[in-house]
């Protein structure tokens, strides 16, 4: 706790940006639990109400850097916990900074697997920088319900 307070003090005193503590990060088991919670909510409330509950600015399904996204198997974004502007768009050809068509890959995986993990790069909501991301998805009928975790960049030393 003391280290967290010291770091937060430094951030506020010196205007350091892009600092995310390990406690600020969701982990893989939390991502899986969030997706299962979202699926239960989807089944209880129906698609339209649940998609609205998942989408920003709603905070019902957001925990630190973890949020829910839902894609149709055609690549259309149906819900997005960080960027409501994505909802309704065909994002099948969206690529990460390395050129990976991650939505296309996600949709193809969802067509053949009920649950899976996927790796790509995306903007971290805590630091606003591009970080490696691992996305956990489960297919429910004709949609993929997903929640992901970000991995901090680690410097390698010789």
N, C-alpha and C. Protein backbone atom coordinates (compact mmCIF):
# COMPACT_ATOMS: atom_id res chain seq x y z
N UNK A 1 0.83 -1.20 0.00
CA UNK A 1 0.00 0.00 0.00
C UNK A 1 0.87 1.24 0.00
N UNK A 2 1.95 1.21 0.79
CA UNK A 2 2.84 2.36 0.86
C UNK A 2 3.50 2.64 -0.48
N UNK A 3 3.92 1.58 -1.17
CA UNK A 3 4.52 1.76 -2.50
C UNK A 3 3.52 2.36 -3.49
N UNK A 4 2.28 1.93 -3.40
CA UNK A 4 1.24 2.47 -4.27
C UNK A 4 1.04 3.95 -4.01
N UNK A 5 0.98 4.34 -2.73
CA UNK A 5 0.83 5.75 -2.39
C UNK A 5 2.03 6.57 -2.85
N UNK A 6 3.22 6.02 -2.69
CA UNK A 6 4.42 6.73 -3.13
C UNK A 6 4.41 6.94 -4.63
N UNK A 7 4.03 5.91 -5.37
CA UNK A 7 3.97 6.02 -6.82
C UNK A 7 2.92 7.04 -7.25
N UNK A 8 1.76 6.99 -6.62
CA UNK A 8 0.71 7.95 -6.96
C UNK A 8 1.13 9.37 -6.63
N UNK A 9 1.87 9.55 -5.54
CA UNK A 9 2.37 10.86 -5.19
C UNK A 9 3.34 11.37 -6.25
N UNK A 10 4.25 10.51 -6.70
CA UNK A 10 5.20 10.89 -7.75
C UNK A 10 4.47 11.24 -9.04
N UNK A 11 3.46 10.44 -9.36
CA UNK A 11 2.69 10.70 -10.58
C UNK A 11 2.06 12.08 -10.50
N UNK A 12 1.44 12.40 -9.37
CA UNK A 12 0.75 13.69 -9.26
C UNK A 12 1.73 14.85 -9.13
N UNK A 13 2.86 14.66 -8.45
CA UNK A 13 3.82 15.74 -8.27
C UNK A 13 4.58 16.07 -9.55
N UNK A 14 4.95 15.04 -10.26
CA UNK A 14 5.81 15.25 -11.42
C UNK A 14 5.10 15.09 -12.75
N UNK A 15 3.81 14.84 -12.70
CA UNK A 15 3.05 14.73 -13.95
C UNK A 15 3.43 13.53 -14.78
N UNK A 16 3.94 12.50 -14.13
CA UNK A 16 4.32 11.29 -14.86
C UNK A 16 3.06 10.65 -15.41
N UNK A 17 3.05 10.39 -16.71
CA UNK A 17 1.90 9.76 -17.32
C UNK A 17 2.28 8.38 -17.82
N UNK A 18 1.28 7.57 -18.00
CA UNK A 18 1.52 6.24 -18.56
C UNK A 18 1.96 5.24 -17.51
N UNK A 19 1.77 5.55 -16.22
CA UNK A 19 2.13 4.62 -15.17
C UNK A 19 0.91 3.78 -14.83
N UNK A 20 1.08 2.49 -14.89
CA UNK A 20 0.01 1.58 -14.48
C UNK A 20 0.63 0.54 -13.56
N UNK A 21 0.12 0.47 -12.34
CA UNK A 21 0.63 -0.47 -11.37
C UNK A 21 0.07 -1.86 -11.64
N UNK A 22 0.76 -2.87 -11.15
CA UNK A 22 0.29 -4.24 -11.33
C UNK A 22 -1.12 -4.40 -10.78
N UNK A 23 -1.44 -3.71 -9.68
CA UNK A 23 -2.78 -3.81 -9.10
C UNK A 23 -3.83 -3.13 -9.97
N UNK A 24 -3.39 -2.30 -10.91
CA UNK A 24 -4.32 -1.65 -11.84
C UNK A 24 -4.70 -2.56 -12.99
N UNK A 25 -4.07 -3.70 -13.09
CA UNK A 25 -4.23 -4.61 -14.22
C UNK A 25 -5.10 -5.80 -13.87
N UNK A 26 -6.00 -6.13 -14.77
CA UNK A 26 -6.76 -7.37 -14.63
C UNK A 26 -5.87 -8.53 -15.07
N UNK A 27 -6.21 -9.73 -14.62
CA UNK A 27 -5.45 -10.91 -15.03
C UNK A 27 -6.35 -11.84 -15.85
N UNK A 28 -5.75 -12.91 -16.33
CA UNK A 28 -6.47 -13.82 -17.23
C UNK A 28 -7.70 -14.44 -16.57
N UNK A 29 -7.60 -14.84 -15.31
CA UNK A 29 -8.76 -15.46 -14.66
C UNK A 29 -9.88 -14.43 -14.46
N UNK A 30 -9.52 -13.18 -14.22
CA UNK A 30 -10.54 -12.13 -14.11
C UNK A 30 -11.20 -11.87 -15.46
N UNK A 31 -10.44 -11.96 -16.53
CA UNK A 31 -11.02 -11.79 -17.87
C UNK A 31 -12.02 -12.91 -18.16
N UNK A 32 -11.64 -14.13 -17.85
CA UNK A 32 -12.55 -15.26 -18.07
C UNK A 32 -13.82 -15.09 -17.24
N UNK A 33 -13.68 -14.67 -15.98
CA UNK A 33 -14.84 -14.48 -15.10
C UNK A 33 -15.74 -13.36 -15.63
N UNK A 34 -15.14 -12.28 -16.12
CA UNK A 34 -15.93 -11.16 -16.65
C UNK A 34 -16.73 -11.60 -17.88
N UNK A 35 -16.10 -12.39 -18.76
CA UNK A 35 -16.80 -12.87 -19.95
C UNK A 35 -17.97 -13.78 -19.54
N UNK A 36 -17.76 -14.64 -18.58
CA UNK A 36 -18.84 -15.52 -18.11
C UNK A 36 -19.97 -14.70 -17.48
N UNK A 37 -19.63 -13.65 -16.74
CA UNK A 37 -20.63 -12.76 -16.16
C UNK A 37 -21.42 -12.05 -17.27
N UNK A 38 -20.71 -11.62 -18.31
CA UNK A 38 -21.36 -10.94 -19.43
C UNK A 38 -22.30 -11.90 -20.17
N UNK A 39 -21.88 -13.14 -20.34
CA UNK A 39 -22.73 -14.12 -21.02
C UNK A 39 -24.00 -14.39 -20.22
N UNK A 40 -23.86 -14.51 -18.92
CA UNK A 40 -25.04 -14.71 -18.06
C UNK A 40 -25.98 -13.51 -18.18
N UNK A 41 -25.42 -12.32 -18.23
CA UNK A 41 -26.20 -11.10 -18.37
C UNK A 41 -26.90 -11.07 -19.74
N UNK A 42 -26.18 -11.46 -20.77
CA UNK A 42 -26.74 -11.52 -22.12
C UNK A 42 -27.94 -12.47 -22.16
N UNK A 43 -27.80 -13.62 -21.56
CA UNK A 43 -28.88 -14.61 -21.56
C UNK A 43 -30.07 -14.13 -20.72
N UNK A 44 -29.81 -13.41 -19.64
CA UNK A 44 -30.88 -12.94 -18.76
C UNK A 44 -31.62 -11.73 -19.32
N UNK A 45 -30.90 -10.81 -19.96
CA UNK A 45 -31.49 -9.54 -20.39
C UNK A 45 -31.83 -9.48 -21.87
N UNK A 46 -31.26 -10.37 -22.67
CA UNK A 46 -31.46 -10.29 -24.11
C UNK A 46 -30.36 -9.46 -24.74
N UNK A 47 -30.19 -9.65 -26.04
CA UNK A 47 -29.06 -9.05 -26.75
C UNK A 47 -29.03 -7.53 -26.68
N UNK A 48 -30.08 -6.87 -27.07
CA UNK A 48 -30.03 -5.40 -27.17
C UNK A 48 -29.77 -4.75 -25.82
N UNK A 49 -30.46 -5.19 -24.78
CA UNK A 49 -30.26 -4.60 -23.45
C UNK A 49 -28.84 -4.89 -22.95
N UNK A 50 -28.38 -6.12 -23.13
CA UNK A 50 -27.04 -6.48 -22.66
C UNK A 50 -25.97 -5.71 -23.43
N UNK A 51 -26.10 -5.60 -24.75
CA UNK A 51 -25.11 -4.87 -25.53
C UNK A 51 -25.03 -3.41 -25.07
N UNK A 52 -26.16 -2.83 -24.76
CA UNK A 52 -26.19 -1.46 -24.24
C UNK A 52 -25.47 -1.39 -22.89
N UNK A 53 -25.70 -2.39 -22.04
CA UNK A 53 -25.05 -2.43 -20.73
C UNK A 53 -23.54 -2.63 -20.84
N UNK A 54 -23.09 -3.29 -21.89
CA UNK A 54 -21.66 -3.54 -22.07
C UNK A 54 -20.93 -2.33 -22.64
N UNK A 55 -21.65 -1.45 -23.32
CA UNK A 55 -21.03 -0.38 -24.11
C UNK A 55 -20.79 0.89 -23.30
N UNK A 56 -19.63 1.52 -23.58
CA UNK A 56 -19.27 2.79 -22.95
C UNK A 56 -20.33 3.82 -23.27
N UNK A 57 -20.71 4.70 -22.36
CA UNK A 57 -20.02 4.99 -21.10
C UNK A 57 -20.48 4.15 -19.92
N UNK A 58 -21.30 3.13 -20.13
CA UNK A 58 -21.71 2.27 -19.02
C UNK A 58 -20.47 1.69 -18.35
N UNK A 59 -20.48 1.59 -17.05
CA UNK A 59 -19.34 1.03 -16.32
C UNK A 59 -19.71 -0.30 -15.68
N UNK A 60 -20.85 -0.87 -16.06
CA UNK A 60 -21.31 -2.11 -15.44
C UNK A 60 -20.37 -3.28 -15.68
N UNK A 61 -19.71 -3.29 -16.82
CA UNK A 61 -18.84 -4.39 -17.18
C UNK A 61 -17.43 -3.89 -17.49
N UNK A 62 -16.93 -3.03 -16.62
CA UNK A 62 -15.57 -2.51 -16.74
C UNK A 62 -14.89 -2.67 -15.38
N UNK A 63 -13.69 -3.19 -15.38
CA UNK A 63 -12.90 -3.35 -14.17
C UNK A 63 -11.45 -3.02 -14.52
N UNK A 64 -11.01 -1.82 -14.12
CA UNK A 64 -9.67 -1.34 -14.43
C UNK A 64 -9.46 -1.32 -15.94
N UNK A 65 -8.55 -2.13 -16.47
CA UNK A 65 -8.28 -2.18 -17.91
C UNK A 65 -9.08 -3.26 -18.62
N UNK A 66 -9.95 -3.93 -17.90
CA UNK A 66 -10.76 -5.03 -18.43
C UNK A 66 -12.17 -4.53 -18.77
N UNK A 67 -12.62 -4.81 -19.97
CA UNK A 67 -13.96 -4.43 -20.41
C UNK A 67 -14.44 -5.44 -21.44
N UNK A 68 -15.73 -5.41 -21.69
CA UNK A 68 -16.35 -6.37 -22.61
C UNK A 68 -16.50 -5.76 -24.01
N UNK A 69 -16.24 -6.59 -25.02
CA UNK A 69 -16.56 -6.27 -26.41
C UNK A 69 -17.33 -7.47 -26.97
N UNK A 70 -18.22 -7.19 -27.90
CA UNK A 70 -18.99 -8.25 -28.55
C UNK A 70 -18.95 -8.01 -30.05
N UNK A 71 -18.64 -9.08 -30.80
CA UNK A 71 -18.62 -9.02 -32.25
C UNK A 71 -19.55 -10.07 -32.82
N UNK A 72 -20.27 -9.70 -33.88
CA UNK A 72 -21.01 -10.68 -34.65
C UNK A 72 -20.01 -11.51 -35.45
N UNK A 73 -20.41 -12.67 -35.88
CA UNK A 73 -19.50 -13.53 -36.65
C UNK A 73 -19.25 -12.99 -38.05
N UNK A 74 -19.87 -11.85 -38.37
CA UNK A 74 -19.61 -11.16 -39.63
C UNK A 74 -18.59 -10.02 -39.46
N UNK A 75 -18.10 -9.82 -38.21
CA UNK A 75 -17.12 -8.76 -37.96
C UNK A 75 -17.70 -7.44 -37.50
N UNK A 76 -19.01 -7.39 -37.36
CA UNK A 76 -19.65 -6.16 -36.91
C UNK A 76 -19.54 -6.05 -35.38
N UNK A 77 -19.11 -4.88 -34.91
CA UNK A 77 -19.00 -4.64 -33.47
C UNK A 77 -20.39 -4.36 -32.92
N UNK A 78 -20.79 -5.13 -31.92
CA UNK A 78 -22.13 -5.01 -31.34
C UNK A 78 -22.12 -4.34 -29.98
N UNK A 79 -20.98 -4.36 -29.30
CA UNK A 79 -20.82 -3.70 -28.00
C UNK A 79 -19.34 -3.46 -27.77
N UNK A 80 -19.01 -2.34 -27.14
CA UNK A 80 -17.61 -2.03 -26.85
C UNK A 80 -17.53 -1.21 -25.57
N UNK A 81 -16.89 -1.75 -24.57
CA UNK A 81 -16.82 -1.13 -23.26
C UNK A 81 -15.92 0.08 -23.14
N UNK A 82 -15.13 0.37 -24.16
CA UNK A 82 -14.25 1.54 -24.12
C UNK A 82 -14.50 2.55 -25.22
N UNK A 83 -15.19 2.13 -26.28
CA UNK A 83 -15.35 3.03 -27.41
C UNK A 83 -16.68 2.79 -28.12
N UNK A 84 -17.71 3.52 -27.70
CA UNK A 84 -19.04 3.36 -28.27
C UNK A 84 -19.07 3.68 -29.76
N UNK A 85 -18.10 4.46 -30.25
CA UNK A 85 -18.07 4.81 -31.68
C UNK A 85 -17.83 3.58 -32.57
N UNK A 86 -17.32 2.51 -32.00
CA UNK A 86 -17.07 1.29 -32.77
C UNK A 86 -18.34 0.49 -33.02
N UNK A 87 -19.33 0.67 -32.15
CA UNK A 87 -20.56 -0.12 -32.22
C UNK A 87 -21.30 0.15 -33.53
N UNK A 88 -21.69 -0.94 -34.18
CA UNK A 88 -22.41 -0.85 -35.44
C UNK A 88 -21.52 -0.88 -36.66
N UNK A 89 -20.21 -0.81 -36.45
CA UNK A 89 -19.28 -0.79 -37.58
C UNK A 89 -18.79 -2.18 -37.92
N UNK A 90 -18.57 -2.39 -39.21
CA UNK A 90 -17.93 -3.62 -39.69
C UNK A 90 -16.42 -3.42 -39.51
N UNK A 91 -15.84 -4.14 -38.57
CA UNK A 91 -14.42 -3.97 -38.25
C UNK A 91 -13.59 -5.19 -38.68
N UNK A 92 -14.13 -5.97 -39.58
CA UNK A 92 -13.48 -7.20 -40.01
C UNK A 92 -12.04 -6.97 -40.48
N UNK A 93 -11.79 -5.85 -41.13
CA UNK A 93 -10.45 -5.58 -41.67
C UNK A 93 -9.59 -4.69 -40.78
N UNK A 94 -10.05 -4.42 -39.55
CA UNK A 94 -9.27 -3.62 -38.61
C UNK A 94 -7.98 -4.34 -38.27
N UNK A 95 -6.86 -3.61 -38.29
CA UNK A 95 -5.55 -4.20 -38.03
C UNK A 95 -4.88 -3.53 -36.85
N UNK A 96 -4.07 -4.31 -36.15
CA UNK A 96 -3.29 -3.74 -35.05
C UNK A 96 -2.04 -3.07 -35.64
N UNK A 97 -1.20 -2.43 -34.83
CA UNK A 97 -0.02 -1.73 -35.37
C UNK A 97 0.96 -2.62 -36.13
N UNK A 98 0.91 -3.92 -35.86
CA UNK A 98 1.79 -4.85 -36.58
C UNK A 98 1.15 -5.37 -37.87
N UNK A 99 -0.04 -4.90 -38.19
CA UNK A 99 -0.71 -5.32 -39.41
C UNK A 99 -1.57 -6.56 -39.26
N UNK A 100 -1.75 -7.03 -38.04
CA UNK A 100 -2.55 -8.22 -37.81
C UNK A 100 -4.04 -7.86 -37.87
N UNK A 101 -4.79 -8.56 -38.72
CA UNK A 101 -6.24 -8.36 -38.84
C UNK A 101 -6.91 -9.13 -37.69
N UNK A 102 -6.85 -8.54 -36.50
CA UNK A 102 -7.25 -9.26 -35.29
C UNK A 102 -8.76 -9.51 -35.20
N UNK A 103 -9.59 -8.66 -35.75
CA UNK A 103 -11.03 -8.92 -35.72
C UNK A 103 -11.36 -10.08 -36.65
N UNK A 104 -10.75 -10.09 -37.83
CA UNK A 104 -10.96 -11.20 -38.76
C UNK A 104 -10.52 -12.51 -38.09
N UNK A 105 -9.35 -12.49 -37.45
CA UNK A 105 -8.86 -13.69 -36.77
C UNK A 105 -9.84 -14.11 -35.66
N UNK A 106 -10.33 -13.15 -34.89
CA UNK A 106 -11.26 -13.43 -33.79
C UNK A 106 -12.54 -14.09 -34.32
N UNK A 107 -13.07 -13.55 -35.39
CA UNK A 107 -14.30 -14.09 -35.97
C UNK A 107 -14.06 -15.51 -36.49
N UNK A 108 -12.93 -15.72 -37.15
CA UNK A 108 -12.63 -17.06 -37.67
C UNK A 108 -12.46 -18.06 -36.53
N UNK A 109 -11.79 -17.64 -35.46
CA UNK A 109 -11.65 -18.52 -34.29
C UNK A 109 -13.00 -18.83 -33.68
N UNK A 110 -13.85 -17.82 -33.58
CA UNK A 110 -15.18 -18.00 -32.97
C UNK A 110 -16.06 -18.93 -33.80
N UNK A 111 -15.83 -18.99 -35.08
CA UNK A 111 -16.62 -19.88 -35.93
C UNK A 111 -16.28 -21.35 -35.68
N UNK A 112 -15.08 -21.61 -35.20
CA UNK A 112 -14.64 -23.00 -35.03
C UNK A 112 -14.42 -23.42 -33.58
N UNK A 113 -14.37 -22.46 -32.66
CA UNK A 113 -14.12 -22.79 -31.25
C UNK A 113 -15.16 -22.11 -30.37
N UNK A 114 -15.55 -22.79 -29.31
CA UNK A 114 -16.51 -22.19 -28.38
C UNK A 114 -15.84 -21.17 -27.46
N UNK A 115 -14.56 -21.38 -27.15
CA UNK A 115 -13.81 -20.45 -26.29
C UNK A 115 -12.34 -20.48 -26.71
N UNK A 116 -11.69 -19.33 -26.59
CA UNK A 116 -10.29 -19.25 -27.02
C UNK A 116 -9.65 -17.98 -26.49
N UNK A 117 -8.32 -17.97 -26.53
CA UNK A 117 -7.51 -16.78 -26.24
C UNK A 117 -6.90 -16.31 -27.54
N UNK A 118 -6.74 -15.01 -27.68
CA UNK A 118 -6.17 -14.41 -28.88
C UNK A 118 -5.18 -13.34 -28.46
N UNK A 119 -4.07 -13.20 -29.21
CA UNK A 119 -3.07 -12.17 -28.92
C UNK A 119 -2.98 -11.17 -30.06
N UNK A 120 -2.85 -9.90 -29.71
CA UNK A 120 -2.66 -8.81 -30.66
C UNK A 120 -2.23 -7.59 -29.88
N UNK A 121 -2.16 -6.44 -30.51
CA UNK A 121 -1.80 -5.20 -29.82
C UNK A 121 -2.96 -4.22 -29.93
N UNK A 122 -3.16 -3.46 -28.83
CA UNK A 122 -4.29 -2.53 -28.80
C UNK A 122 -3.99 -1.41 -27.81
N UNK A 123 -4.74 -0.33 -27.89
CA UNK A 123 -4.55 0.80 -26.99
C UNK A 123 -5.04 0.48 -25.59
N UNK A 124 -4.15 0.59 -24.64
CA UNK A 124 -4.45 0.34 -23.24
C UNK A 124 -5.24 1.53 -22.67
N UNK A 125 -6.38 1.29 -22.04
CA UNK A 125 -7.17 2.41 -21.52
C UNK A 125 -6.52 3.13 -20.33
N UNK A 126 -5.58 2.48 -19.65
CA UNK A 126 -4.93 3.12 -18.50
C UNK A 126 -3.80 4.05 -18.92
N UNK A 127 -2.98 3.62 -19.87
CA UNK A 127 -1.80 4.41 -20.25
C UNK A 127 -1.96 5.12 -21.59
N UNK A 128 -2.99 4.73 -22.35
CA UNK A 128 -3.24 5.27 -23.70
C UNK A 128 -2.11 4.92 -24.67
N UNK A 129 -1.32 3.92 -24.34
CA UNK A 129 -0.26 3.47 -25.25
C UNK A 129 -0.64 2.11 -25.81
N UNK A 130 0.01 1.75 -26.91
CA UNK A 130 -0.23 0.45 -27.54
C UNK A 130 0.54 -0.61 -26.75
N UNK A 131 -0.18 -1.63 -26.32
CA UNK A 131 0.43 -2.72 -25.55
C UNK A 131 -0.02 -4.06 -26.11
N UNK A 132 0.76 -5.09 -25.84
CA UNK A 132 0.29 -6.44 -26.18
C UNK A 132 -0.97 -6.74 -25.36
N UNK A 133 -1.92 -7.40 -26.00
CA UNK A 133 -3.18 -7.72 -25.34
C UNK A 133 -3.51 -9.18 -25.59
N UNK A 134 -4.09 -9.81 -24.58
CA UNK A 134 -4.61 -11.17 -24.70
C UNK A 134 -6.11 -11.08 -24.49
N UNK A 135 -6.86 -11.54 -25.46
CA UNK A 135 -8.32 -11.46 -25.41
C UNK A 135 -8.91 -12.85 -25.24
N UNK A 136 -9.77 -12.99 -24.22
CA UNK A 136 -10.50 -14.23 -24.01
C UNK A 136 -11.89 -14.06 -24.59
N UNK A 137 -12.31 -15.03 -25.41
CA UNK A 137 -13.62 -14.95 -26.06
C UNK A 137 -14.37 -16.26 -25.90
N UNK A 138 -15.69 -16.12 -25.82
CA UNK A 138 -16.58 -17.28 -25.88
C UNK A 138 -17.66 -16.98 -26.90
N UNK A 139 -17.95 -18.00 -27.73
CA UNK A 139 -19.03 -17.85 -28.71
C UNK A 139 -20.36 -18.21 -28.06
N UNK A 140 -21.33 -17.35 -28.27
CA UNK A 140 -22.70 -17.58 -27.82
C UNK A 140 -23.57 -17.38 -29.05
N UNK A 141 -24.10 -18.48 -29.56
CA UNK A 141 -24.87 -18.46 -30.80
C UNK A 141 -24.04 -17.81 -31.91
N UNK A 142 -24.43 -16.62 -32.38
CA UNK A 142 -23.72 -16.02 -33.51
C UNK A 142 -22.89 -14.79 -33.12
N UNK A 143 -22.47 -14.72 -31.85
CA UNK A 143 -21.63 -13.61 -31.40
C UNK A 143 -20.44 -14.13 -30.58
N UNK A 144 -19.39 -13.33 -30.55
CA UNK A 144 -18.24 -13.61 -29.70
C UNK A 144 -18.21 -12.56 -28.60
N UNK A 145 -18.29 -13.01 -27.36
CA UNK A 145 -18.24 -12.13 -26.18
C UNK A 145 -16.82 -12.22 -25.64
N UNK A 146 -16.16 -11.07 -25.53
CA UNK A 146 -14.73 -11.07 -25.23
C UNK A 146 -14.36 -10.05 -24.15
N UNK A 147 -13.31 -10.36 -23.43
CA UNK A 147 -12.71 -9.45 -22.46
C UNK A 147 -11.22 -9.74 -22.42
N UNK A 148 -10.41 -8.70 -22.36
CA UNK A 148 -8.97 -8.93 -22.49
C UNK A 148 -8.13 -8.27 -21.42
N UNK A 149 -6.89 -8.71 -21.37
CA UNK A 149 -5.90 -8.18 -20.44
C UNK A 149 -4.71 -7.64 -21.22
N UNK A 150 -4.13 -6.59 -20.69
CA UNK A 150 -2.97 -5.96 -21.29
C UNK A 150 -1.72 -6.41 -20.57
N UNK A 151 -0.64 -6.53 -21.32
CA UNK A 151 0.65 -6.88 -20.73
C UNK A 151 1.57 -5.68 -20.87
N UNK A 152 2.15 -5.28 -19.77
CA UNK A 152 3.10 -4.17 -19.79
C UNK A 152 4.30 -4.56 -20.62
N UNK A 153 4.86 -3.59 -21.32
CA UNK A 153 6.11 -3.82 -22.03
C UNK A 153 7.22 -3.98 -21.00
N UNK A 154 8.06 -4.93 -21.20
CA UNK A 154 9.18 -5.16 -20.31
C UNK A 154 10.47 -4.85 -21.06
N UNK A 155 11.30 -4.06 -20.44
CA UNK A 155 12.59 -3.78 -21.07
C UNK A 155 13.49 -4.98 -20.87
N UNK A 156 14.22 -5.33 -21.90
CA UNK A 156 15.19 -6.41 -21.77
C UNK A 156 16.56 -5.81 -21.61
N UNK A 157 17.33 -6.41 -20.74
CA UNK A 157 18.68 -5.90 -20.50
C UNK A 157 19.70 -6.91 -20.99
N UNK A 158 20.80 -6.41 -21.52
CA UNK A 158 21.82 -7.35 -22.04
C UNK A 158 22.44 -8.19 -20.96
